[in-house]
C-alpha cells in the first residue's frame, strides 16, 4: 500500500522527529514533507501523523 519512501517517512515520524529535521535528513523542503505527510493521512483517513504511525505499526509495516 505504501512505497518504500513513504514507509521511510513514516519511520522517521515514528522516531519522534519534527518536520524540519526530517526535511533536512531527506534533503527536501519542509513544505514537501508537510504535503507528503498530509497525503499519507488522507490515504488512510487519519487526522495526524501519529495516527499514521500507529496504523503502520499495527500492521507491522514499520
N, C-alpha and C. Protein backbone atom coordinates (compact mmCIF):
# COMPACT_ATOMS: atom_id res chain seq x y z
N UNK A 1 0.81 -1.19 0.00
CA UNK A 1 0.00 0.00 0.00
C UNK A 1 0.86 1.27 0.00
N UNK A 2 1.94 1.26 0.76
CA UNK A 2 2.84 2.41 0.80
C UNK A 2 4.14 2.08 0.08
N UNK A 3 4.71 3.07 -0.55
CA UNK A 3 6.01 2.89 -1.22
C UNK A 3 7.12 2.84 -0.17
N UNK A 4 8.30 2.46 -0.61
CA UNK A 4 9.45 2.40 0.30
C UNK A 4 9.74 3.79 0.87
N UNK A 5 9.65 4.83 0.04
CA UNK A 5 9.90 6.20 0.50
C UNK A 5 8.85 6.63 1.53
N UNK A 6 7.60 6.26 1.30
CA UNK A 6 6.54 6.61 2.26
C UNK A 6 6.76 5.90 3.59
N UNK A 7 7.15 4.63 3.54
CA UNK A 7 7.42 3.91 4.78
C UNK A 7 8.62 4.50 5.52
N UNK A 8 9.60 4.96 4.77
CA UNK A 8 10.75 5.62 5.40
C UNK A 8 10.32 6.90 6.10
N UNK A 9 9.43 7.64 5.47
CA UNK A 9 8.91 8.87 6.08
C UNK A 9 8.12 8.54 7.36
N UNK A 10 7.29 7.53 7.30
CA UNK A 10 6.53 7.12 8.48
C UNK A 10 7.48 6.70 9.60
N UNK A 11 8.53 5.98 9.25
CA UNK A 11 9.50 5.55 10.27
C UNK A 11 10.19 6.74 10.93
N UNK A 12 10.46 7.77 10.16
CA UNK A 12 11.08 8.97 10.74
C UNK A 12 10.11 9.67 11.69
N UNK A 13 8.85 9.72 11.32
CA UNK A 13 7.85 10.27 12.24
C UNK A 13 7.76 9.41 13.50
N UNK A 14 7.88 8.10 13.34
CA UNK A 14 7.81 7.19 14.49
C UNK A 14 8.96 7.43 15.46
N UNK A 15 10.10 7.90 14.94
CA UNK A 15 11.24 8.22 15.80
C UNK A 15 11.00 9.49 16.60
N UNK A 16 9.93 10.19 16.29
CA UNK A 16 9.60 11.42 17.01
C UNK A 16 10.26 12.66 16.43
N UNK A 17 10.78 12.55 15.23
CA UNK A 17 11.45 13.69 14.61
C UNK A 17 10.44 14.71 14.12
N UNK A 18 10.83 15.96 14.17
CA UNK A 18 9.95 17.03 13.69
C UNK A 18 10.10 17.16 12.17
N UNK A 19 9.18 17.86 11.58
CA UNK A 19 9.16 18.02 10.13
C UNK A 19 10.45 18.64 9.62
N UNK A 20 10.96 19.64 10.32
CA UNK A 20 12.18 20.31 9.89
C UNK A 20 13.37 19.35 9.88
N UNK A 21 13.48 18.52 10.89
CA UNK A 21 14.57 17.55 10.97
C UNK A 21 14.45 16.51 9.87
N UNK A 22 13.24 16.03 9.66
CA UNK A 22 13.01 15.05 8.60
C UNK A 22 13.36 15.66 7.24
N UNK A 23 12.97 16.89 7.03
CA UNK A 23 13.26 17.56 5.76
C UNK A 23 14.77 17.65 5.54
N UNK A 24 15.50 18.00 6.58
CA UNK A 24 16.96 18.09 6.45
C UNK A 24 17.56 16.72 6.14
N UNK A 25 17.10 15.69 6.85
CA UNK A 25 17.63 14.34 6.62
C UNK A 25 17.38 13.86 5.20
N UNK A 26 16.19 14.16 4.69
CA UNK A 26 15.83 13.68 3.35
C UNK A 26 16.22 14.67 2.26
N UNK A 27 16.80 15.78 2.67
CA UNK A 27 17.20 16.84 1.75
C UNK A 27 16.02 17.32 0.90
N UNK A 28 14.91 17.57 1.60
CA UNK A 28 13.69 18.09 0.98
C UNK A 28 13.25 19.32 1.76
N UNK A 29 12.30 20.05 1.20
CA UNK A 29 11.79 21.22 1.90
C UNK A 29 10.77 20.81 2.96
N UNK A 30 10.60 21.69 3.95
CA UNK A 30 9.58 21.47 4.97
C UNK A 30 8.21 21.31 4.32
N UNK A 31 7.96 22.13 3.33
CA UNK A 31 6.67 22.09 2.65
C UNK A 31 6.42 20.74 1.98
N UNK A 32 7.45 20.16 1.39
CA UNK A 32 7.31 18.85 0.75
C UNK A 32 6.97 17.79 1.78
N UNK A 33 7.63 17.84 2.93
CA UNK A 33 7.35 16.86 3.98
C UNK A 33 5.92 17.04 4.49
N UNK A 34 5.49 18.28 4.66
CA UNK A 34 4.11 18.53 5.10
C UNK A 34 3.11 17.99 4.08
N UNK A 35 3.39 18.21 2.81
CA UNK A 35 2.49 17.74 1.76
C UNK A 35 2.44 16.21 1.73
N UNK A 36 3.60 15.59 1.86
CA UNK A 36 3.64 14.13 1.85
C UNK A 36 2.97 13.53 3.08
N UNK A 37 3.15 14.15 4.22
CA UNK A 37 2.51 13.63 5.43
C UNK A 37 0.99 13.79 5.35
N UNK A 38 0.53 14.91 4.77
CA UNK A 38 -0.91 15.10 4.57
C UNK A 38 -1.47 14.04 3.63
N UNK A 39 -0.72 13.71 2.58
CA UNK A 39 -1.16 12.68 1.63
C UNK A 39 -1.26 11.31 2.32
N UNK A 40 -0.31 11.02 3.21
CA UNK A 40 -0.37 9.76 3.96
C UNK A 40 -1.62 9.72 4.83
N UNK A 41 -1.87 10.82 5.51
CA UNK A 41 -3.06 10.90 6.36
C UNK A 41 -4.34 10.72 5.54
N UNK A 42 -4.41 11.42 4.42
CA UNK A 42 -5.59 11.34 3.58
C UNK A 42 -5.81 9.92 3.05
N UNK A 43 -4.73 9.24 2.74
CA UNK A 43 -4.86 7.91 2.15
C UNK A 43 -5.54 6.92 3.10
N UNK A 44 -5.26 7.04 4.40
CA UNK A 44 -5.86 6.08 5.34
C UNK A 44 -6.95 6.71 6.21
N UNK A 45 -7.24 7.97 5.97
CA UNK A 45 -8.29 8.62 6.74
C UNK A 45 -7.86 9.05 8.12
N UNK A 46 -6.59 9.31 8.30
CA UNK A 46 -6.06 9.75 9.59
C UNK A 46 -6.09 11.28 9.67
N UNK A 47 -6.06 11.78 10.89
CA UNK A 47 -6.05 13.23 11.08
C UNK A 47 -4.68 13.74 11.53
N UNK A 48 -3.76 12.82 11.83
CA UNK A 48 -2.42 13.23 12.25
C UNK A 48 -1.40 12.16 11.87
N UNK A 49 -0.15 12.58 11.85
CA UNK A 49 0.91 11.62 11.51
C UNK A 49 1.05 10.55 12.59
N UNK A 50 0.74 10.87 13.83
CA UNK A 50 0.84 9.86 14.88
C UNK A 50 -0.16 8.74 14.62
N UNK A 51 -1.30 9.07 14.07
CA UNK A 51 -2.27 8.04 13.70
C UNK A 51 -1.75 7.18 12.56
N UNK A 52 -1.05 7.80 11.63
CA UNK A 52 -0.44 7.04 10.53
C UNK A 52 0.62 6.09 11.09
N UNK A 53 1.43 6.59 12.02
CA UNK A 53 2.46 5.75 12.64
C UNK A 53 1.81 4.57 13.36
N UNK A 54 0.78 4.83 14.14
CA UNK A 54 0.10 3.75 14.86
C UNK A 54 -0.51 2.75 13.89
N UNK A 55 -1.13 3.23 12.83
CA UNK A 55 -1.74 2.38 11.82
C UNK A 55 -0.68 1.47 11.20
N UNK A 56 0.45 2.05 10.81
CA UNK A 56 1.53 1.29 10.19
C UNK A 56 2.15 0.29 11.17
N UNK A 57 2.30 0.69 12.42
CA UNK A 57 2.88 -0.18 13.43
C UNK A 57 1.97 -1.38 13.69
N UNK A 58 0.67 -1.15 13.77
CA UNK A 58 -0.27 -2.26 13.98
C UNK A 58 -0.21 -3.28 12.86
N UNK A 59 0.12 -2.82 11.67
CA UNK A 59 0.22 -3.71 10.51
C UNK A 59 1.64 -4.18 10.26
N UNK A 60 2.53 -3.88 11.21
CA UNK A 60 3.94 -4.27 11.18
C UNK A 60 4.63 -3.83 9.90
N UNK A 61 4.29 -2.61 9.45
CA UNK A 61 4.93 -2.04 8.28
C UNK A 61 6.20 -1.29 8.64
N UNK A 62 6.28 -0.89 9.90
CA UNK A 62 7.48 -0.19 10.38
C UNK A 62 7.97 -0.88 11.64
